[in-house]
Every structure is written in C-alpha cells, then in structure tokens.
Amino acid sequence: MRTVVDLPDEELQAIKALAKREKISQAEAIRRAVRAYLHARPAPDKESPAFGLWEGREEGIQYQDTLRDEWTR
C-alpha cells in the first residue's frame, strides 16, 4: 500500500544513503525501519497480568468479613 510521509531533509538524505549502502530501495529501507520500530515496541496485552489471580478464592465481601472477624478476636 502506498502512503505519503513528510520527512525532514536530514532524515531523507540519511535514508537515501542507507539505501545506497545496503543496495536496497528507499521504500525497502523505510519498511525495514518501520518493522524494526514496531518490533521493538509490541502492543500491550489486552488482559491485565493480574487477571484471574483471585480465582478460586472467597468473594471480595466474604474476604472482607473474614478479615474483620480476625480483628475482633
């Protein structure tokens, strides 16, 4: 898919130099850069790491009652 990206001249010249050095197209250099950037910053998991930690335990209100009973002993 084609897209238009505005880059400062300094970055464009660096991409041109990289592409020439690597003997690849400028488009391929940009694709690789985007791929590396996205790989280094994976999307966070949609589920919290804490999801399910309370499974199999008392309900919250029951746990609260248990704690309060301990205070009155």
PDB file of N, CA and C in Angstrom:
ATOM      1  N   MET A   1       0.848  -1.175   0.000  1.00  0.00           N
ATOM      2  CA  MET A   1       0.000   0.000   0.000  1.00  0.00           C
ATOM      3  C   MET A   1       0.892   1.238   0.000  1.00  0.00           C
ATOM      4  N   ARG A   2       0.542   2.166  -0.771  1.00  0.00           N
ATOM      5  CA  ARG A   2       1.316   3.405  -0.847  1.00  0.00           C
ATOM      6  C   ARG A   2       0.820   4.391   0.201  1.00  0.00           C
ATOM      7  N   THR A   3       1.769   5.170   0.696  1.00  0.00           N
ATOM      8  CA  THR A   3       1.423   6.226   1.635  1.00  0.00           C
ATOM      9  C   THR A   3       2.410   7.372   1.437  1.00  0.00           C
ATOM     10  N   VAL A   4       2.018   8.544   1.865  1.00  0.00           N
ATOM     11  CA  VAL A   4       2.880   9.716   1.744  1.00  0.00           C
ATOM     12  C   VAL A   4       3.361  10.079   3.142  1.00  0.00           C
ATOM     13  N   VAL A   5       4.664  10.269   3.261  1.00  0.00           N
ATOM     14  CA  VAL A   5       5.260  10.630   4.545  1.00  0.00           C
ATOM     15  C   VAL A   5       6.151  11.841   4.332  1.00  0.00           C
ATOM     16  N   ASP A   6       5.978  12.856   5.163  1.00  0.00           N
ATOM     17  CA  ASP A   6       6.851  14.032   5.102  1.00  0.00           C
ATOM     18  C   ASP A   6       8.003  13.823   6.077  1.00  0.00           C
ATOM     19  N   LEU A   7       9.220  13.903   5.562  1.00  0.00           N
ATOM     20  CA  LEU A   7      10.411  13.736   6.389  1.00  0.00           C
ATOM     21  C   LEU A   7      11.286  14.974   6.273  1.00  0.00           C
ATOM     22  N   PRO A   8      11.951  15.332   7.345  1.00  0.00           N
ATOM     23  CA  PRO A   8      12.927  16.416   7.240  1.00  0.00           C
ATOM     24  C   PRO A   8      14.031  16.012   6.251  1.00  0.00           C
ATOM     25  N   ASP A   9      14.621  16.979   5.601  1.00  0.00           N
ATOM     26  CA  ASP A   9      15.641  16.715   4.589  1.00  0.00           C
ATOM     27  C   ASP A   9      16.786  15.867   5.151  1.00  0.00           C
ATOM     28  N   GLU A  10      17.166  16.127   6.370  1.00  0.00           N
ATOM     29  CA  GLU A  10      18.264  15.379   7.004  1.00  0.00           C
ATOM     30  C   GLU A  10      17.951  13.879   7.070  1.00  0.00           C
ATOM     31  N   GLU A  11      16.724  13.542   7.455  1.00  0.00           N
ATOM     32  CA  GLU A  11      16.332  12.132   7.543  1.00  0.00           C
ATOM     33  C   GLU A  11      16.204  11.512   6.155  1.00  0.00           C
ATOM     34  N   LEU A  12      15.688  12.266   5.211  1.00  0.00           N
ATOM     35  CA  LEU A  12      15.568  11.765   3.842  1.00  0.00           C
ATOM     36  C   LEU A  12      16.944  11.457   3.254  1.00  0.00           C
ATOM     37  N   GLN A  13      17.896  12.339   3.483  1.00  0.00           N
ATOM     38  CA  GLN A  13      19.257  12.103   2.988  1.00  0.00           C
ATOM     39  C   GLN A  13      19.870  10.869   3.658  1.00  0.00           C
ATOM     40  N   ALA A  14      19.592  10.681   4.936  1.00  0.00           N
ATOM     41  CA  ALA A  14      20.105   9.502   5.648  1.00  0.00           C
ATOM     42  C   ALA A  14      19.496   8.222   5.077  1.00  0.00           C
ATOM     43  N   ILE A  15      18.215   8.257   4.742  1.00  0.00           N
ATOM     44  CA  ILE A  15      17.555   7.085   4.145  1.00  0.00           C
ATOM     45  C   ILE A  15      18.145   6.796   2.765  1.00  0.00           C
ATOM     46  N   LYS A  16      18.354   7.843   1.982  1.00  0.00           N
ATOM     47  CA  LYS A  16      18.959   7.654   0.659  1.00  0.00           C
ATOM     48  C   LYS A  16      20.344   7.021   0.780  1.00  0.00           C
ATOM     49  N   ALA A  17      21.139   7.517   1.723  1.00  0.00           N
ATOM     50  CA  ALA A  17      22.488   6.978   1.918  1.00  0.00           C
ATOM     51  C   ALA A  17      22.435   5.522   2.383  1.00  0.00           C
ATOM     52  N   LEU A  18      21.531   5.227   3.290  1.00  0.00           N
ATOM     53  CA  LEU A  18      21.377   3.854   3.782  1.00  0.00           C
ATOM     54  C   LEU A  18      20.963   2.922   2.654  1.00  0.00           C
ATOM     55  N   ALA A  19      20.001   3.360   1.866  1.00  0.00           N
ATOM     56  CA  ALA A  19      19.511   2.535   0.760  1.00  0.00           C
ATOM     57  C   ALA A  19      20.634   2.257  -0.245  1.00  0.00           C
ATOM     58  N   LYS A  20      21.425   3.260  -0.527  1.00  0.00           N
ATOM     59  CA  LYS A  20      22.537   3.076  -1.465  1.00  0.00           C
ATOM     60  C   LYS A  20      23.569   2.114  -0.884  1.00  0.00           C
ATOM     61  N   ARG A  21      23.888   2.303   0.387  1.00  0.00           N
ATOM     62  CA  ARG A  21      24.877   1.457   1.063  1.00  0.00           C
ATOM     63  C   ARG A  21      24.433  -0.003   1.117  1.00  0.00           C
ATOM     64  N   GLU A  22      23.149  -0.205   1.410  1.00  0.00           N
ATOM     65  CA  GLU A  22      22.592  -1.557   1.546  1.00  0.00           C
ATOM     66  C   GLU A  22      22.142  -2.146   0.204  1.00  0.00           C
ATOM     67  N   LYS A  23      22.185  -1.319  -0.833  1.00  0.00           N
ATOM     68  CA  LYS A  23      21.740  -1.731  -2.181  1.00  0.00           C
ATOM     69  C   LYS A  23      20.279  -2.195  -2.168  1.00  0.00           C
ATOM     70  N   ILE A  24      19.460  -1.353  -1.537  1.00  0.00           N
ATOM     71  CA  ILE A  24      18.016  -1.587  -1.484  1.00  0.00           C
ATOM     72  C   ILE A  24      17.320  -0.287  -1.877  1.00  0.00           C
ATOM     73  N   SER A  25      16.030  -0.384  -2.140  1.00  0.00           N
ATOM     74  CA  SER A  25      15.277   0.830  -2.475  1.00  0.00           C
ATOM     75  C   SER A  25      15.029   1.653  -1.208  1.00  0.00           C
ATOM     76  N   GLN A  26      14.718   2.914  -1.409  1.00  0.00           N
ATOM     77  CA  GLN A  26      14.368   3.766  -0.272  1.00  0.00           C
ATOM     78  C   GLN A  26      13.113   3.230   0.416  1.00  0.00           C
ATOM     79  N   ALA A  27      12.174   2.741  -0.386  1.00  0.00           N
ATOM     80  CA  ALA A  27      10.943   2.185   0.183  1.00  0.00           C
ATOM     81  C   ALA A  27      11.264   0.995   1.084  1.00  0.00           C
ATOM     82  N   GLU A  28      12.178   0.133   0.647  1.00  0.00           N
ATOM     83  CA  GLU A  28      12.555  -1.028   1.460  1.00  0.00           C
ATOM     84  C   GLU A  28      13.256  -0.583   2.740  1.00  0.00           C
ATOM     85  N   ALA A  29      14.081   0.441   2.652  1.00  0.00           N
ATOM     86  CA  ALA A  29      14.753   0.960   3.845  1.00  0.00           C
ATOM     87  C   ALA A  29      13.727   1.464   4.856  1.00  0.00           C
ATOM     88  N   ILE A  30      12.722   2.164   4.372  1.00  0.00           N
ATOM     89  CA  ILE A  30      11.673   2.679   5.255  1.00  0.00           C
ATOM     90  C   ILE A  30      10.844   1.534   5.823  1.00  0.00           C
ATOM     91  N   ARG A  31      10.501   0.539   5.002  1.00  0.00           N
ATOM     92  CA  ARG A  31       9.751  -0.628   5.503  1.00  0.00           C
ATOM     93  C   ARG A  31      10.515  -1.320   6.623  1.00  0.00           C
ATOM     94  N   ARG A  32      11.810  -1.512   6.421  1.00  0.00           N
ATOM     95  CA  ARG A  32      12.628  -2.169   7.453  1.00  0.00           C
ATOM     96  C   ARG A  32      12.673  -1.348   8.733  1.00  0.00           C
ATOM     97  N   ALA A  33      12.785  -0.040   8.578  1.00  0.00           N
ATOM     98  CA  ALA A  33      12.829   0.832   9.754  1.00  0.00           C
ATOM     99  C   ALA A  33      11.514   0.773  10.528  1.00  0.00           C
ATOM    100  N   VAL A  34      10.413   0.812   9.812  1.00  0.00           N
ATOM    101  CA  VAL A  34       9.097   0.738  10.459  1.00  0.00           C
ATOM    102  C   VAL A  34       8.928  -0.611  11.139  1.00  0.00           C
ATOM    103  N   ARG A  35       9.311  -1.685  10.458  1.00  0.00           N
ATOM    104  CA  ARG A  35       9.214  -3.036  11.019  1.00  0.00           C
ATOM    105  C   ARG A  35      10.038  -3.142  12.308  1.00  0.00           C
ATOM    106  N   ALA A  36      11.266  -2.632  12.291  1.00  0.00           N
ATOM    107  CA  ALA A  36      12.132  -2.677  13.474  1.00  0.00           C
ATOM    108  C   ALA A  36      11.534  -1.855  14.615  1.00  0.00           C
ATOM    109  N   TYR A  37      10.989  -0.694  14.288  1.00  0.00           N
ATOM    110  CA  TYR A  37      10.372   0.166  15.298  1.00  0.00           C
ATOM    111  C   TYR A  37       9.189  -0.541  15.956  1.00  0.00           C
ATOM    112  N   LEU A  38       8.328  -1.135  15.149  1.00  0.00           N
ATOM    113  CA  LEU A  38       7.148  -1.816  15.686  1.00  0.00           C
ATOM    114  C   LEU A  38       7.532  -3.059  16.478  1.00  0.00           C
ATOM    115  N   HIS A  39       8.546  -3.775  16.033  1.00  0.00           N
ATOM    116  CA  HIS A  39       9.004  -4.973  16.742  1.00  0.00           C
ATOM    117  C   HIS A  39       9.563  -4.609  18.121  1.00  0.00           C
ATOM    118  N   ALA A  40      10.221  -3.463  18.210  1.00  0.00           N
ATOM    119  CA  ALA A  40      10.814  -3.025  19.477  1.00  0.00           C
ATOM    120  C   ALA A  40       9.768  -2.503  20.460  1.00  0.00           C
ATOM    121  N   ARG A  41       8.568  -2.220  19.981  1.00  0.00           N
ATOM    122  CA  ARG A  41       7.507  -1.672  20.828  1.00  0.00           C
ATOM    123  C   ARG A  41       6.218  -2.456  20.620  1.00  0.00           C
ATOM    124  N   PRO A  42       6.181  -3.707  21.120  1.00  0.00           N
ATOM    125  CA  PRO A  42       4.970  -4.514  20.913  1.00  0.00           C
ATOM    126  C   PRO A  42       3.768  -3.907  21.634  1.00  0.00           C
ATOM    127  N   ALA A  43       2.609  -4.157  21.088  1.00  0.00           N
ATOM    128  CA  ALA A  43       1.373  -3.669  21.703  1.00  0.00           C
ATOM    129  C   ALA A  43       1.191  -4.344  23.054  1.00  0.00           C
ATOM    130  N   PRO A  44       0.715  -3.612  24.053  1.00  0.00           N
ATOM    131  CA  PRO A  44       0.495  -4.232  25.363  1.00  0.00           C
ATOM    132  C   PRO A  44      -0.612  -5.273  25.285  1.00  0.00           C
ATOM    133  N   ASP A  45      -0.525  -6.274  26.165  1.00  0.00           N
ATOM    134  CA  ASP A  45      -1.575  -7.287  26.234  1.00  0.00           C
ATOM    135  C   ASP A  45      -2.884  -6.618  26.604  1.00  0.00           C
ATOM    136  N   LYS A  46      -3.960  -7.124  26.029  1.00  0.00           N
ATOM    137  CA  LYS A  46      -5.267  -6.551  26.336  1.00  0.00           C
ATOM    138  C   LYS A  46      -5.726  -6.958  27.728  1.00  0.00           C
ATOM    139  N   GLU A  47      -5.267  -8.125  28.186  1.00  0.00           N
ATOM    140  CA  GLU A  47      -5.637  -8.568  29.523  1.00  0.00           C
ATOM    141  C   GLU A  47      -4.553  -8.170  30.505  1.00  0.00           C
ATOM    142  N   SER A  48      -4.978  -7.763  31.666  1.00  0.00           N
ATOM    143  CA  SER A  48      -4.045  -7.405  32.720  1.00  0.00           C
ATOM    144  C   SER A  48      -3.321  -8.652  33.205  1.00  0.00           C
ATOM    145  N   PRO A  49      -2.042  -8.525  33.558  1.00  0.00           N
ATOM    146  CA  PRO A  49      -1.331  -9.683  34.098  1.00  0.00           C
ATOM    147  C   PRO A  49      -1.958 -10.182  35.401  1.00  0.00           C
ATOM    148  N   ALA A  50      -2.736  -9.343  36.066  1.00  0.00           N
ATOM    149  CA  ALA A  50      -3.367  -9.737  37.317  1.00  0.00           C
ATOM    150  C   ALA A  50      -4.696 -10.460  37.102  1.00  0.00           C
ATOM    151  N   PHE A  51      -5.159 -10.517  35.852  1.00  0.00           N
ATOM    152  CA  PHE A  51      -6.448 -11.137  35.561  1.00  0.00           C
ATOM    153  C   PHE A  51      -6.449 -12.591  36.021  1.00  0.00           C
ATOM    154  N   GLY A  52      -7.428 -12.949  36.855  1.00  0.00           N
ATOM    155  CA  GLY A  52      -7.582 -14.330  37.302  1.00  0.00           C
ATOM    156  C   GLY A  52      -6.813 -14.683  38.559  1.00  0.00           C
ATOM    157  N   LEU A  53      -6.057 -13.761  39.130  1.00  0.00           N
ATOM    158  CA  LEU A  53      -5.278 -14.081  40.330  1.00  0.00           C
ATOM    159  C   LEU A  53      -6.160 -14.434  41.526  1.00  0.00           C
ATOM    160  N   TRP A  54      -7.364 -13.917  41.577  1.00  0.00           N
ATOM    161  CA  TRP A  54      -8.246 -14.136  42.721  1.00  0.00           C
ATOM    162  C   TRP A  54      -9.141 -15.354  42.500  1.00  0.00           C
ATOM    163  N   GLU A  55      -9.012 -16.015  41.366  1.00  0.00           N
ATOM    164  CA  GLU A  55      -9.865 -17.151  41.024  1.00  0.00           C
ATOM    165  C   GLU A  55      -9.756 -18.250  42.080  1.00  0.00           C
ATOM    166  N   GLY A  56     -10.909 -18.778  42.482  1.00  0.00           N
ATOM    167  CA  GLY A  56     -10.937 -19.867  43.454  1.00  0.00           C
ATOM    168  C   GLY A  56     -10.891 -19.393  44.897  1.00  0.00           C
ATOM    169  N   ARG A  57     -10.856 -18.115  45.116  1.00  0.00           N
ATOM    170  CA  ARG A  57     -10.832 -17.581  46.484  1.00  0.00           C
ATOM    171  C   ARG A  57     -12.210 -17.032  46.828  1.00  0.00           C
ATOM    172  N   GLU A  58     -12.328 -16.607  48.079  1.00  0.00           N
ATOM    173  CA  GLU A  58     -13.594 -16.034  48.538  1.00  0.00           C
ATOM    174  C   GLU A  58     -13.958 -14.806  47.701  1.00  0.00           C
ATOM    175  N   GLU A  59     -15.238 -14.522  47.673  1.00  0.00           N
ATOM    176  CA  GLU A  59     -15.679 -13.276  47.056  1.00  0.00           C
ATOM    177  C   GLU A  59     -15.144 -12.125  47.904  1.00  0.00           C
ATOM    178  N   GLY A  60     -15.053 -10.955  47.310  1.00  0.00           N
ATOM    179  CA  GLY A  60     -14.483  -9.804  47.999  1.00  0.00           C
ATOM    180  C   GLY A  60     -15.140  -9.500  49.329  1.00  0.00           C
ATOM    181  N   ILE A  61     -16.474  -9.508  49.364  1.00  0.00           N
ATOM    182  CA  ILE A  61     -17.174  -9.173  50.610  1.00  0.00           C
ATOM    183  C   ILE A  61     -16.957 -10.249  51.664  1.00  0.00           C
ATOM    184  N   GLN A  62     -16.883 -11.512  51.243  1.00  0.00           N
ATOM    185  CA  GLN A  62     -16.614 -12.596  52.188  1.00  0.00           C
ATOM    186  C   GLN A  62     -15.207 -12.463  52.760  1.00  0.00           C
ATOM    187  N   TYR A  63     -14.255 -12.114  51.932  1.00  0.00           N
ATOM    188  CA  TYR A  63     -12.880 -11.925  52.383  1.00  0.00           C
ATOM    189  C   TYR A  63     -12.811 -10.770  53.378  1.00  0.00           C
ATOM    190  N   GLN A  64     -13.526  -9.707  53.087  1.00  0.00           N
ATOM    191  CA  GLN A  64     -13.566  -8.554  53.980  1.00  0.00           C
ATOM    192  C   GLN A  64     -14.154  -8.957  55.331  1.00  0.00           C
ATOM    193  N   ASP A  65     -15.223  -9.735  55.326  1.00  0.00           N
ATOM    194  CA  ASP A  65     -15.826 -10.205  56.578  1.00  0.00           C
ATOM    195  C   ASP A  65     -14.851 -11.070  57.369  1.00  0.00           C
ATOM    196  N   THR A  66     -14.102 -11.932  56.685  1.00  0.00           N
ATOM    197  CA  THR A  66     -13.110 -12.781  57.348  1.00  0.00           C
ATOM    198  C   THR A  66     -12.059 -11.923  58.032  1.00  0.00           C
ATOM    199  N   LEU A  67     -11.583 -10.909  57.355  1.00  0.00           N
ATOM    200  CA  LEU A  67     -10.587 -10.016  57.952  1.00  0.00           C
ATOM    201  C   LEU A  67     -11.148  -9.296  59.171  1.00  0.00           C
ATOM    202  N   ARG A  68     -12.365  -8.830  59.077  1.00  0.00           N
ATOM    203  CA  ARG A  68     -12.977  -8.121  60.206  1.00  0.00           C
ATOM    204  C   ARG A  68     -13.179  -9.049  61.396  1.00  0.00           C
ATOM    205  N   ASP A  69     -13.527 -10.318  61.121  1.00  0.00           N
ATOM    206  CA  ASP A  69     -13.674 -11.291  62.205  1.00  0.00           C
ATOM    207  C   ASP A  69     -12.347 -11.485  62.931  1.00  0.00           C
ATOM    208  N   GLU A  70     -11.247 -11.470  62.201  1.00  0.00           N
ATOM    209  CA  GLU A  70      -9.931 -11.630  62.820  1.00  0.00           C
ATOM    210  C   GLU A  70      -9.607 -10.452  63.731  1.00  0.00           C
ATOM    211  N   TRP A  71     -10.079  -9.271  63.404  1.00  0.00           N
ATOM    212  CA  TRP A  71      -9.792  -8.094  64.212  1.00  0.00           C
ATOM    213  C   TRP A  71     -10.505  -8.160  65.560  1.00  0.00           C
ATOM    214  N   THR A  72     -11.673  -8.777  65.578  1.00  0.00           N
ATOM    215  CA  THR A  72     -12.476  -8.790  66.804  1.00  0.00           C
ATOM    216  C   THR A  72     -12.134  -9.959  67.714  1.00  0.00           C
ATOM    217  N   ARG A  73     -11.244 -10.831  67.335  1.00  0.00           N
ATOM    218  CA  ARG A  73     -10.860 -11.966  68.187  1.00  0.00           C
ATOM    219  C   ARG A  73      -9.949 -11.549  69.287  1.00  0.00           C
TER     220      ARG A  73
END
